[in-house]
């Protein structure tokens, strides 16, 4: 699951309205709705603002260098 998918899941699971999340994050309600509905992507800065409004921190973790089957 990618960061965008996880953020969408957190938005839906929060029980908060998209309007409330948009107001708290500074991202427009339209942008948030289009993102959740899969119509547009969201830049990392906006994703970080939404995650913060939900009480989460957006982090990136380096993948392992190992390949499957080795």
Protein backbone atom coordinates (compact mmCIF):
# COMPACT_ATOMS: atom_id res chain seq x y z
CA UNK A 1 0.00 0.00 0.00
CA UNK A 2 1.42 3.37 -1.01
CA UNK A 3 1.37 6.61 0.94
CA UNK A 4 -1.58 7.97 -1.05
CA UNK A 5 -3.65 4.84 -0.43
CA UNK A 6 -2.84 4.90 3.27
CA UNK A 7 -3.74 8.58 3.55
CA UNK A 8 -7.07 7.95 1.79
CA UNK A 9 -7.75 5.14 4.26
CA UNK A 10 -6.96 7.41 7.22
CA UNK A 11 -9.24 10.15 5.89
CA UNK A 12 -12.14 7.73 5.50
CA UNK A 13 -11.48 6.07 8.88
CA UNK A 14 -11.23 9.38 10.74
CA UNK A 15 -15.00 9.88 10.79
CA UNK A 16 -14.38 13.58 10.17
CA UNK A 17 -15.94 15.50 7.32
CA UNK A 18 -13.79 16.42 4.36
CA UNK A 19 -14.71 20.03 5.08
CA UNK A 20 -13.30 19.75 8.63
CA UNK A 21 -10.10 18.08 7.41
CA UNK A 22 -9.70 20.66 4.65
CA UNK A 23 -10.13 23.53 7.11
CA UNK A 24 -7.63 22.01 9.55
CA UNK A 25 -5.04 21.24 6.86
CA UNK A 26 -5.30 24.29 4.61
CA UNK A 27 -5.97 22.06 1.59
CA UNK A 28 -9.12 22.98 -0.33
CA UNK A 29 -12.17 20.80 0.18
CA UNK A 30 -12.37 20.25 -3.59
CA UNK A 31 -8.76 19.06 -3.78
CA UNK A 32 -9.29 16.73 -0.83
CA UNK A 33 -12.47 15.26 -2.33
CA UNK A 34 -10.86 14.74 -5.75
CA UNK A 35 -7.89 13.05 -4.07
CA UNK A 36 -10.07 10.69 -2.00
CA UNK A 37 -12.14 9.85 -5.08
CA UNK A 38 -8.99 8.98 -7.05
CA UNK A 39 -9.42 11.76 -9.60
CA UNK A 40 -6.14 13.55 -8.84
CA UNK A 41 -2.93 12.95 -6.95
CA UNK A 42 -1.64 15.13 -4.16
CA UNK A 43 1.82 16.60 -3.76
CA UNK A 44 3.89 15.54 -0.73
CA UNK A 45 3.48 18.94 0.97
CA UNK A 46 -0.32 18.74 0.83
CA UNK A 47 -0.25 15.10 1.92
CA UNK A 48 1.85 16.12 4.92
CA UNK A 49 -0.64 18.86 5.85
CA UNK A 50 -3.58 16.44 5.68
CA UNK A 51 -1.72 13.79 7.67
CA UNK A 52 -0.88 16.40 10.31
CA UNK A 53 -4.52 17.51 10.51
CA UNK A 54 -5.45 13.87 11.17
CA UNK A 55 -2.81 13.53 13.89
CA UNK A 56 -0.30 11.54 11.83
CA UNK A 57 3.18 12.16 10.51
CA UNK A 58 4.03 11.38 6.90
CA UNK A 59 7.30 9.47 6.75
CA UNK A 60 9.31 7.71 4.09
CA UNK A 61 11.24 4.52 4.79
CA UNK A 62 14.06 3.27 2.60
CA UNK A 63 13.29 0.00 0.89
CA UNK A 64 15.48 -3.01 1.40
CA UNK A 65 18.07 -3.61 -1.34
CA UNK A 66 17.28 -7.32 -1.36
CA UNK A 67 15.35 -8.70 -4.29
CA UNK A 68 12.63 -11.32 -3.98
CA UNK A 69 13.88 -14.86 -4.48
CA UNK A 70 17.44 -14.10 -3.44
